[in-house]
């Protein structure tokens, strides 16, 4: 997933952009938002930067306490982008198929 960040201020600023995943249909209890990546960038006034986050199957996995293994399941996932878990400014959904 790629995201554009724009500094609308009149001075340079650092920003931390965070990527969270939400497993919409998990068979196990999982957190509502799982932090899977972050990037700290510095932007000059009015500057725009674009960067990408890459997700792997490991990012979709959870530890199954019954079978004592890491596993991933097919289903719907939400990708949430923000500067904190409480401040999400972009989101998308995708279907994971094994």
PDB file of N, CA and C in Angstrom:
ATOM      1  N   UNK A   1       0.855  -1.178   0.000  1.00  0.00           N
ATOM      2  CA  UNK A   1       0.000   0.000   0.000  1.00  0.00           C
ATOM      3  C   UNK A   1       0.890   1.227   0.000  1.00  0.00           C
ATOM      4  N   UNK A   2       0.582   2.190  -0.823  1.00  0.00           N
ATOM      5  CA  UNK A   2       1.354   3.428  -0.827  1.00  0.00           C
ATOM      6  C   UNK A   2       0.516   4.546  -0.218  1.00  0.00           C
ATOM      7  N   UNK A   3       1.221   5.510   0.329  1.00  0.00           N
ATOM      8  CA  UNK A   3       0.549   6.626   0.988  1.00  0.00           C
ATOM      9  C   UNK A   3       1.333   7.901   0.707  1.00  0.00           C
ATOM     10  N   UNK A   4       0.616   9.010   0.481  1.00  0.00           N
ATOM     11  CA  UNK A   4       1.231  10.322   0.303  1.00  0.00           C
ATOM     12  C   UNK A   4       1.047  11.126   1.576  1.00  0.00           C
ATOM     13  N   UNK A   5       2.112  11.781   1.994  1.00  0.00           N
ATOM     14  CA  UNK A   5       2.087  12.648   3.171  1.00  0.00           C
ATOM     15  C   UNK A   5       2.463  14.049   2.715  1.00  0.00           C
ATOM     16  N   UNK A   6       1.694  15.036   3.148  1.00  0.00           N
ATOM     17  CA  UNK A   6       1.941  16.425   2.771  1.00  0.00           C
ATOM     18  C   UNK A   6       2.087  17.259   4.039  1.00  0.00           C
ATOM     19  N   UNK A   7       3.121  18.077   4.085  1.00  0.00           N
ATOM     20  CA  UNK A   7       3.299  19.017   5.193  1.00  0.00           C
ATOM     21  C   UNK A   7       2.625  20.329   4.804  1.00  0.00           C
ATOM     22  N   UNK A   8       1.514  20.635   5.413  1.00  0.00           N
ATOM     23  CA  UNK A   8       0.769  21.844   5.104  1.00  0.00           C
ATOM     24  C   UNK A   8       1.236  23.050   5.929  1.00  0.00           C
ATOM     25  N   UNK A   9       2.204  22.821   6.798  1.00  0.00           N
ATOM     26  CA  UNK A   9       2.699  23.885   7.679  1.00  0.00           C
ATOM     27  C   UNK A   9       3.724  24.776   6.955  1.00  0.00           C
ATOM     28  N   UNK A  10       4.063  25.898   7.597  1.00  0.00           N
ATOM     29  CA  UNK A  10       5.060  26.823   7.051  1.00  0.00           C
ATOM     30  C   UNK A  10       6.460  26.535   7.574  1.00  0.00           C
ATOM     31  N   UNK A  11       6.627  25.438   8.290  1.00  0.00           N
ATOM     32  CA  UNK A  11       7.938  25.039   8.791  1.00  0.00           C
ATOM     33  C   UNK A  11       8.108  23.529   8.592  1.00  0.00           C
ATOM     34  N   UNK A  12       9.351  23.078   8.596  1.00  0.00           N
ATOM     35  CA  UNK A  12       9.623  21.660   8.443  1.00  0.00           C
ATOM     36  C   UNK A  12       9.128  20.881   9.649  1.00  0.00           C
ATOM     37  N   UNK A  13       8.706  19.640   9.397  1.00  0.00           N
ATOM     38  CA  UNK A  13       8.182  18.806  10.474  1.00  0.00           C
ATOM     39  C   UNK A  13       8.542  17.355  10.250  1.00  0.00           C
ATOM     40  N   UNK A  14       8.702  16.633  11.350  1.00  0.00           N
ATOM     41  CA  UNK A  14       8.844  15.177  11.286  1.00  0.00           C
ATOM     42  C   UNK A  14       7.474  14.564  11.519  1.00  0.00           C
ATOM     43  N   UNK A  15       7.217  13.471  10.845  1.00  0.00           N
ATOM     44  CA  UNK A  15       5.942  12.761  10.993  1.00  0.00           C
ATOM     45  C   UNK A  15       6.224  11.266  11.050  1.00  0.00           C
ATOM     46  N   UNK A  16       5.507  10.580  11.918  1.00  0.00           N
ATOM     47  CA  UNK A  16       5.585   9.124  11.971  1.00  0.00           C
ATOM     48  C   UNK A  16       4.289   8.588  11.370  1.00  0.00           C
ATOM     49  N   UNK A  17       4.438   7.774  10.331  1.00  0.00           N
ATOM     50  CA  UNK A  17       3.290   7.169   9.666  1.00  0.00           C
ATOM     51  C   UNK A  17       3.266   5.697  10.055  1.00  0.00           C
ATOM     52  N   UNK A  18       2.113   5.234  10.535  1.00  0.00           N
ATOM     53  CA  UNK A  18       1.990   3.877  11.049  1.00  0.00           C
ATOM     54  C   UNK A  18       0.981   3.082  10.233  1.00  0.00           C
ATOM     55  N   UNK A  19       1.283   1.787  10.031  1.00  0.00           N
ATOM     56  CA  UNK A  19       0.392   0.884   9.327  1.00  0.00           C
ATOM     57  C   UNK A  19      -0.129  -0.154  10.309  1.00  0.00           C
ATOM     58  N   UNK A  20      -1.453  -0.280  10.367  1.00  0.00           N
ATOM     59  CA  UNK A  20      -2.121  -1.252  11.231  1.00  0.00           C
ATOM     60  C   UNK A  20      -2.920  -2.212  10.359  1.00  0.00           C
ATOM     61  N   UNK A  21      -3.050  -3.447  10.830  1.00  0.00           N
ATOM     62  CA  UNK A  21      -3.896  -4.442  10.182  1.00  0.00           C
ATOM     63  C   UNK A  21      -5.022  -4.830  11.121  1.00  0.00           C
ATOM     64  N   UNK A  22      -6.173  -5.079  10.543  1.00  0.00           N
ATOM     65  CA  UNK A  22      -7.311  -5.604  11.290  1.00  0.00           C
ATOM     66  C   UNK A  22      -7.840  -6.819  10.541  1.00  0.00           C
ATOM     67  N   UNK A  23      -7.845  -7.965  11.209  1.00  0.00           N
ATOM     68  CA  UNK A  23      -8.383  -9.189  10.638  1.00  0.00           C
ATOM     69  C   UNK A  23      -9.885  -9.192  10.910  1.00  0.00           C
ATOM     70  N   UNK A  24     -10.675  -8.994   9.880  1.00  0.00           N
ATOM     71  CA  UNK A  24     -12.118  -8.831  10.028  1.00  0.00           C
ATOM     72  C   UNK A  24     -12.809 -10.144  10.387  1.00  0.00           C
ATOM     73  N   UNK A  25     -12.286 -11.290   9.923  1.00  0.00           N
ATOM     74  CA  UNK A  25     -12.987 -12.564  10.077  1.00  0.00           C
ATOM     75  C   UNK A  25     -12.147 -13.630  10.778  1.00  0.00           C
ATOM     76  N   UNK A  26     -11.361 -13.298  11.739  1.00  0.00           N
ATOM     77  CA  UNK A  26     -10.462 -14.258  12.376  1.00  0.00           C
ATOM     78  C   UNK A  26     -11.225 -15.288  13.218  1.00  0.00           C
ATOM     79  N   UNK A  27     -10.704 -16.519  13.220  1.00  0.00           N
ATOM     80  CA  UNK A  27     -11.291 -17.565  14.074  1.00  0.00           C
ATOM     81  C   UNK A  27     -10.781 -17.442  15.508  1.00  0.00           C
ATOM     82  N   UNK A  28      -9.727 -16.670  15.708  1.00  0.00           N
ATOM     83  CA  UNK A  28      -9.153 -16.453  17.034  1.00  0.00           C
ATOM     84  C   UNK A  28      -9.360 -14.991  17.442  1.00  0.00           C
ATOM     85  N   UNK A  29      -9.337 -14.755  18.729  1.00  0.00           N
ATOM     86  CA  UNK A  29      -9.442 -13.383  19.215  1.00  0.00           C
ATOM     87  C   UNK A  29      -8.137 -12.661  18.920  1.00  0.00           C
ATOM     88  N   UNK A  30      -8.242 -11.537  18.226  1.00  0.00           N
ATOM     89  CA  UNK A  30      -7.061 -10.748  17.853  1.00  0.00           C
ATOM     90  C   UNK A  30      -7.314  -9.295  18.200  1.00  0.00           C
ATOM     91  N   UNK A  31      -6.242  -8.513  18.360  1.00  0.00           N
ATOM     92  CA  UNK A  31      -6.431  -7.085  18.629  1.00  0.00           C
ATOM     93  C   UNK A  31      -7.191  -6.403  17.491  1.00  0.00           C
ATOM     94  N   UNK A  32      -7.899  -5.346  17.811  1.00  0.00           N
ATOM     95  CA  UNK A  32      -8.644  -4.596  16.809  1.00  0.00           C
ATOM     96  C   UNK A  32      -7.704  -3.991  15.774  1.00  0.00           C
ATOM     97  N   UNK A  33      -6.552  -3.504  16.223  1.00  0.00           N
ATOM     98  CA  UNK A  33      -5.538  -2.933  15.333  1.00  0.00           C
ATOM     99  C   UNK A  33      -4.177  -3.489  15.741  1.00  0.00           C
ATOM    100  N   UNK A  34      -3.483  -4.102  14.776  1.00  0.00           N
ATOM    101  CA  UNK A  34      -2.152  -4.630  15.029  1.00  0.00           C
ATOM    102  C   UNK A  34      -1.141  -3.800  14.248  1.00  0.00           C
ATOM    103  N   UNK A  35      -0.189  -3.178  14.932  1.00  0.00           N
ATOM    104  CA  UNK A  35       0.847  -2.392  14.276  1.00  0.00           C
ATOM    105  C   UNK A  35       1.756  -3.318  13.484  1.00  0.00           C
ATOM    106  N   UNK A  36       1.882  -3.070  12.170  1.00  0.00           N
ATOM    107  CA  UNK A  36       2.695  -3.924  11.303  1.00  0.00           C
ATOM    108  C   UNK A  36       3.829  -3.177  10.626  1.00  0.00           C
ATOM    109  N   UNK A  37       3.860  -1.865  10.745  1.00  0.00           N
ATOM    110  CA  UNK A  37       4.952  -1.098  10.149  1.00  0.00           C
ATOM    111  C   UNK A  37       4.836   0.364  10.497  1.00  0.00           C
ATOM    112  N   UNK A  38       5.968   1.047  10.433  1.00  0.00           N
ATOM    113  CA  UNK A  38       5.958   2.492  10.643  1.00  0.00           C
ATOM    114  C   UNK A  38       7.155   3.092   9.928  1.00  0.00           C
ATOM    115  N   UNK A  39       7.075   4.396   9.683  1.00  0.00           N
ATOM    116  CA  UNK A  39       8.139   5.110   9.003  1.00  0.00           C
ATOM    117  C   UNK A  39       8.139   6.546   9.500  1.00  0.00           C
ATOM    118  N   UNK A  40       9.295   7.020   9.915  1.00  0.00           N
ATOM    119  CA  UNK A  40       9.421   8.421  10.337  1.00  0.00           C
ATOM    120  C   UNK A  40      10.053   9.193   9.198  1.00  0.00           C
ATOM    121  N   UNK A  41       9.388  10.269   8.799  1.00  0.00           N
ATOM    122  CA  UNK A  41       9.875  11.073   7.694  1.00  0.00           C
ATOM    123  C   UNK A  41       9.942  12.538   8.114  1.00  0.00           C
ATOM    124  N   UNK A  42      10.821  13.286   7.457  1.00  0.00           N
ATOM    125  CA  UNK A  42      10.911  14.722   7.682  1.00  0.00           C
ATOM    126  C   UNK A  42      10.487  15.421   6.406  1.00  0.00           C
ATOM    127  N   UNK A  43       9.573  16.368   6.537  1.00  0.00           N
ATOM    128  CA  UNK A  43       9.052  17.102   5.391  1.00  0.00           C
ATOM    129  C   UNK A  43       9.337  18.587   5.524  1.00  0.00           C
ATOM    130  N   UNK A  44       9.801  19.171   4.458  1.00  0.00           N
ATOM    131  CA  UNK A  44       9.970  20.619   4.382  1.00  0.00           C
ATOM    132  C   UNK A  44       8.588  21.260   4.227  1.00  0.00           C
ATOM    133  N   UNK A  45       8.467  22.568   4.425  1.00  0.00           N
ATOM    134  CA  UNK A  45       7.165  23.224   4.253  1.00  0.00           C
ATOM    135  C   UNK A  45       6.571  22.935   2.870  1.00  0.00           C
ATOM    136  N   UNK A  46       5.306  22.543   2.850  1.00  0.00           N
ATOM    137  CA  UNK A  46       4.525  22.254   1.641  1.00  0.00           C
ATOM    138  C   UNK A  46       5.055  21.062   0.839  1.00  0.00           C
ATOM    139  N   UNK A  47       5.978  20.294   1.391  1.00  0.00           N
ATOM    140  CA  UNK A  47       6.541  19.145   0.680  1.00  0.00           C
ATOM    141  C   UNK A  47       5.602  17.943   0.777  1.00  0.00           C
ATOM    142  N   UNK A  48       5.600  17.136  -0.289  1.00  0.00           N
ATOM    143  CA  UNK A  48       4.825  15.889  -0.354  1.00  0.00           C
ATOM    144  C   UNK A  48       5.816  14.750  -0.577  1.00  0.00           C
ATOM    145  N   UNK A  49       5.629  13.670   0.194  1.00  0.00           N
ATOM    146  CA  UNK A  49       6.423  12.465  -0.002  1.00  0.00           C
ATOM    147  C   UNK A  49       5.491  11.281  -0.098  1.00  0.00           C
ATOM    148  N   UNK A  50       5.873  10.341  -0.947  1.00  0.00           N
ATOM    149  CA  UNK A  50       5.111   9.118  -1.119  1.00  0.00           C
ATOM    150  C   UNK A  50       6.014   7.947  -0.751  1.00  0.00           C
ATOM    151  N   UNK A  51       5.471   6.990  -0.041  1.00  0.00           N
ATOM    152  CA  UNK A  51       6.237   5.784   0.253  1.00  0.00           C
ATOM    153  C   UNK A  51       5.286   4.607   0.364  1.00  0.00           C
ATOM    154  N   UNK A  52       5.860   3.406   0.323  1.00  0.00           N
ATOM    155  CA  UNK A  52       5.059   2.191   0.326  1.00  0.00           C
ATOM    156  C   UNK A  52       5.342   1.349   1.547  1.00  0.00           C
ATOM    157  N   UNK A  53       4.299   0.678   1.991  1.00  0.00           N
ATOM    158  CA  UNK A  53       4.408  -0.379   2.990  1.00  0.00           C
ATOM    159  C   UNK A  53       4.160  -1.693   2.245  1.00  0.00           C
ATOM    160  N   UNK A  54       4.935  -2.710   2.566  1.00  0.00           N
ATOM    161  CA  UNK A  54       4.756  -4.026   1.977  1.00  0.00           C
ATOM    162  C   UNK A  54       4.357  -5.004   3.068  1.00  0.00           C
ATOM    163  N   UNK A  55       3.286  -5.741   2.823  1.00  0.00           N
ATOM    164  CA  UNK A  55       2.816  -6.752   3.760  1.00  0.00           C
ATOM    165  C   UNK A  55       3.190  -8.132   3.255  1.00  0.00           C
ATOM    166  N   UNK A  56       3.518  -9.017   4.192  1.00  0.00           N
ATOM    167  CA  UNK A  56       3.836 -10.401   3.857  1.00  0.00           C
ATOM    168  C   UNK A  56       2.825 -11.325   4.534  1.00  0.00           C
ATOM    169  N   UNK A  57       2.876 -12.601   4.195  1.00  0.00           N
ATOM    170  CA  UNK A  57       1.995 -13.571   4.849  1.00  0.00           C
ATOM    171  C   UNK A  57       2.260 -13.599   6.351  1.00  0.00           C
ATOM    172  N   UNK A  58       3.499 -13.404   6.733  1.00  0.00           N
ATOM    173  CA  UNK A  58       3.849 -13.376   8.163  1.00  0.00           C
ATOM    174  C   UNK A  58       3.100 -12.253   8.886  1.00  0.00           C
ATOM    175  N   UNK A  59       2.905 -11.126   8.220  1.00  0.00           N
ATOM    176  CA  UNK A  59       2.163 -10.011   8.822  1.00  0.00           C
ATOM    177  C   UNK A  59       0.702 -10.367   9.078  1.00  0.00           C
ATOM    178  N   UNK A  60       0.167 -11.310   8.320  1.00  0.00           N
ATOM    179  CA  UNK A  60      -1.234 -11.719   8.464  1.00  0.00           C
ATOM    180  C   UNK A  60      -1.411 -12.830   9.490  1.00  0.00           C
ATOM    181  N   UNK A  61      -0.313 -13.403   9.943  1.00  0.00           N
ATOM    182  CA  UNK A  61      -0.338 -14.578  10.817  1.00  0.00           C
ATOM    183  C   UNK A  61      -0.576 -14.224  12.284  1.00  0.00           C
ATOM    184  N   UNK A  62      -1.048 -15.231  13.011  1.00  0.00           N
ATOM    185  CA  UNK A  62      -1.213 -15.125  14.457  1.00  0.00           C
ATOM    186  C   UNK A  62      -0.796 -16.450  15.077  1.00  0.00           C
ATOM    187  N   UNK A  63      -0.478 -16.412  16.358  1.00  0.00           N
ATOM    188  CA  UNK A  63      -0.085 -17.639  17.045  1.00  0.00           C
ATOM    189  C   UNK A  63      -1.330 -18.339  17.549  1.00  0.00           C
ATOM    190  N   UNK A  64      -1.555 -19.561  17.074  1.00  0.00           N
ATOM    191  CA  UNK A  64      -2.712 -20.356  17.467  1.00  0.00           C
ATOM    192  C   UNK A  64      -2.331 -21.176  18.702  1.00  0.00           C
ATOM    193  N   UNK A  65      -2.887 -20.820  19.838  1.00  0.00           N
ATOM    194  CA  UNK A  65      -2.536 -21.487  21.101  1.00  0.00           C
ATOM    195  C   UNK A  65      -2.990 -22.933  21.160  1.00  0.00           C
ATOM    196  N   UNK A  66      -4.011 -23.301  20.409  1.00  0.00           N
ATOM    197  CA  UNK A  66      -4.480 -24.690  20.409  1.00  0.00           C
ATOM    198  C   UNK A  66      -3.484 -25.615  19.714  1.00  0.00           C
ATOM    199  N   UNK A  67      -3.008 -25.193  18.540  1.00  0.00           N
ATOM    200  CA  UNK A  67      -2.070 -26.034  17.793  1.00  0.00           C
ATOM    201  C   UNK A  67      -0.608 -25.648  18.044  1.00  0.00           C
ATOM    202  N   UNK A  68      -0.398 -24.549  18.771  1.00  0.00           N
ATOM    203  CA  UNK A  68       0.947 -24.068  19.117  1.00  0.00           C
ATOM    204  C   UNK A  68       1.800 -23.764  17.881  1.00  0.00           C
ATOM    205  N   UNK A  69       1.169 -23.190  16.852  1.00  0.00           N
ATOM    206  CA  UNK A  69       1.889 -22.785  15.644  1.00  0.00           C
ATOM    207  C   UNK A  69       1.393 -21.409  15.188  1.00  0.00           C
ATOM    208  N   UNK A  70       2.220 -20.744  14.377  1.00  0.00           N
ATOM    209  CA  UNK A  70       1.801 -19.520  13.714  1.00  0.00           C
ATOM    210  C   UNK A  70       1.023 -19.912  12.473  1.00  0.00           C
ATOM    211  N   UNK A  71      -0.113 -19.246  12.249  1.00  0.00           N
ATOM    212  CA  UNK A  71      -0.879 -19.556  11.051  1.00  0.00           C
ATOM    213  C   UNK A  71      -1.584 -18.314  10.533  1.00  0.00           C
ATOM    214  N   UNK A  72      -1.901 -18.377   9.263  1.00  0.00           N
ATOM    215  CA  UNK A  72      -2.700 -17.320   8.633  1.00  0.00           C
ATOM    216  C   UNK A  72      -3.940 -17.973   8.053  1.00  0.00           C
ATOM    217  N   UNK A  73      -5.008 -17.199   7.999  1.00  0.00           N
ATOM    218  CA  UNK A  73      -6.285 -17.709   7.506  1.00  0.00           C
ATOM    219  C   UNK A  73      -6.774 -16.837   6.355  1.00  0.00           C
ATOM    220  N   UNK A  74      -7.456 -17.447   5.395  1.00  0.00           N
ATOM    221  CA  UNK A  74      -8.066 -16.624   4.349  1.00  0.00           C
ATOM    222  C   UNK A  74      -9.165 -15.753   4.954  1.00  0.00           C
ATOM    223  N   UNK A  75      -9.380 -14.614   4.331  1.00  0.00           N
ATOM    224  CA  UNK A  75     -10.440 -13.734   4.804  1.00  0.00           C
ATOM    225  C   UNK A  75     -10.178 -12.282   4.473  1.00  0.00           C
ATOM    226  N   UNK A  76     -11.007 -11.426   5.017  1.00  0.00           N
ATOM    227  CA  UNK A  76     -10.946  -9.991   4.779  1.00  0.00           C
ATOM    228  C   UNK A  76     -10.052  -9.321   5.820  1.00  0.00           C
ATOM    229  N   UNK A  77      -9.192  -8.444   5.349  1.00  0.00           N
ATOM    230  CA  UNK A  77      -8.321  -7.651   6.208  1.00  0.00           C
ATOM    231  C   UNK A  77      -8.505  -6.177   5.878  1.00  0.00           C
ATOM    232  N   UNK A  78      -8.424  -5.341   6.895  1.00  0.00           N
ATOM    233  CA  UNK A  78      -8.402  -3.893   6.709  1.00  0.00           C
ATOM    234  C   UNK A  78      -6.983  -3.400   6.959  1.00  0.00           C
ATOM    235  N   UNK A  79      -6.533  -2.507   6.103  1.00  0.00           N
ATOM    236  CA  UNK A  79      -5.251  -1.820   6.276  1.00  0.00           C
ATOM    237  C   UNK A  79      -5.589  -0.404   6.717  1.00  0.00           C
ATOM    238  N   UNK A  80      -5.001   0.027   7.821  1.00  0.00           N
ATOM    239  CA  UNK A  80      -5.279   1.352   8.393  1.00  0.00           C
ATOM    240  C   UNK A  80      -3.969   2.126   8.476  1.00  0.00           C
ATOM    241  N   UNK A  81      -3.946   3.338   7.943  1.00  0.00           N
ATOM    242  CA  UNK A  81      -2.764   4.187   7.958  1.00  0.00           C
ATOM    243  C   UNK A  81      -3.080   5.429   8.781  1.00  0.00           C
ATOM    244  N   UNK A  82      -2.171   5.786   9.678  1.00  0.00           N
ATOM    245  CA  UNK A  82      -2.359   6.982  10.490  1.00  0.00           C
ATOM    246  C   UNK A  82      -1.078   7.380  11.179  1.00  0.00           C
ATOM    247  N   UNK A  83      -1.163   8.407  12.013  1.00  0.00           N
ATOM    248  CA  UNK A  83       0.016   8.791  12.793  1.00  0.00           C
ATOM    249  C   UNK A  83      -0.088   8.302  14.231  1.00  0.00           C
ATOM    250  N   UNK A  84      -1.171   7.601  14.540  1.00  0.00           N
ATOM    251  CA  UNK A  84      -1.337   6.873  15.800  1.00  0.00           C
ATOM    252  C   UNK A  84      -2.524   5.934  15.621  1.00  0.00           C
ATOM    253  N   UNK A  85      -2.724   5.037  16.570  1.00  0.00           N
ATOM    254  CA  UNK A  85      -3.858   4.113  16.454  1.00  0.00           C
ATOM    255  C   UNK A  85      -5.195   4.833  16.569  1.00  0.00           C
ATOM    256  N   UNK A  86      -5.185   6.017  17.141  1.00  0.00           N
ATOM    257  CA  UNK A  86      -6.420   6.801  17.300  1.00  0.00           C
ATOM    258  C   UNK A  86      -6.632   7.820  16.187  1.00  0.00           C
ATOM    259  N   UNK A  87      -5.627   7.979  15.339  1.00  0.00           N
ATOM    260  CA  UNK A  87      -5.702   8.975  14.269  1.00  0.00           C
ATOM    261  C   UNK A  87      -5.406   8.304  12.932  1.00  0.00           C
ATOM    262  N   UNK A  88      -6.432   7.671  12.364  1.00  0.00           N
ATOM    263  CA  UNK A  88      -6.317   6.957  11.088  1.00  0.00           C
ATOM    264  C   UNK A  88      -6.804   7.885   9.981  1.00  0.00           C
ATOM    265  N   UNK A  89      -5.981   8.079   8.945  1.00  0.00           N
ATOM    266  CA  UNK A  89      -6.390   8.978   7.872  1.00  0.00           C
ATOM    267  C   UNK A  89      -6.541   8.297   6.513  1.00  0.00           C
ATOM    268  N   UNK A  90      -6.221   7.010   6.422  1.00  0.00           N
ATOM    269  CA  UNK A  90      -6.442   6.286   5.171  1.00  0.00           C
ATOM    270  C   UNK A  90      -6.678   4.819   5.497  1.00  0.00           C
ATOM    271  N   UNK A  91      -7.592   4.185   4.758  1.00  0.00           N
ATOM    272  CA  UNK A  91      -7.813   2.758   4.968  1.00  0.00           C
ATOM    273  C   UNK A  91      -8.234   2.088   3.673  1.00  0.00           C
ATOM    274  N   UNK A  92      -8.002   0.782   3.635  1.00  0.00           N
ATOM    275  CA  UNK A  92      -8.370  -0.033   2.470  1.00  0.00           C
ATOM    276  C   UNK A  92      -8.666  -1.447   2.985  1.00  0.00           C
ATOM    277  N   UNK A  93      -9.328  -2.241   2.160  1.00  0.00           N
ATOM    278  CA  UNK A  93      -9.637  -3.630   2.479  1.00  0.00           C
ATOM    279  C   UNK A  93      -9.100  -4.521   1.383  1.00  0.00           C
ATOM    280  N   UNK A  94      -8.726  -5.746   1.769  1.00  0.00           N
ATOM    281  CA  UNK A  94      -8.347  -6.742   0.771  1.00  0.00           C
ATOM    282  C   UNK A  94      -8.721  -8.123   1.270  1.00  0.00           C
ATOM    283  N   UNK A  95      -8.845  -9.047   0.321  1.00  0.00           N
ATOM    284  CA  UNK A  95      -9.140 -10.452   0.621  1.00  0.00           C
ATOM    285  C   UNK A  95      -7.844 -11.237   0.525  1.00  0.00           C
ATOM    286  N   UNK A  96      -7.535 -11.984   1.571  1.00  0.00           N
ATOM    287  CA  UNK A  96      -6.388 -12.881   1.553  1.00  0.00           C
ATOM    288  C   UNK A  96      -6.895 -14.280   1.223  1.00  0.00           C
ATOM    289  N   UNK A  97      -6.303 -14.889   0.185  1.00  0.00           N
ATOM    290  CA  UNK A  97      -6.666 -16.236  -0.244  1.00  0.00           C
ATOM    291  C   UNK A  97      -5.414 -17.082  -0.193  1.00  0.00           C
ATOM    292  N   UNK A  98      -5.482 -18.209   0.522  1.00  0.00           N
ATOM    293  CA  UNK A  98      -4.322 -19.096   0.636  1.00  0.00           C
ATOM    294  C   UNK A  98      -4.065 -19.822  -0.656  1.00  0.00           C
TER     295      UNK A  98
END
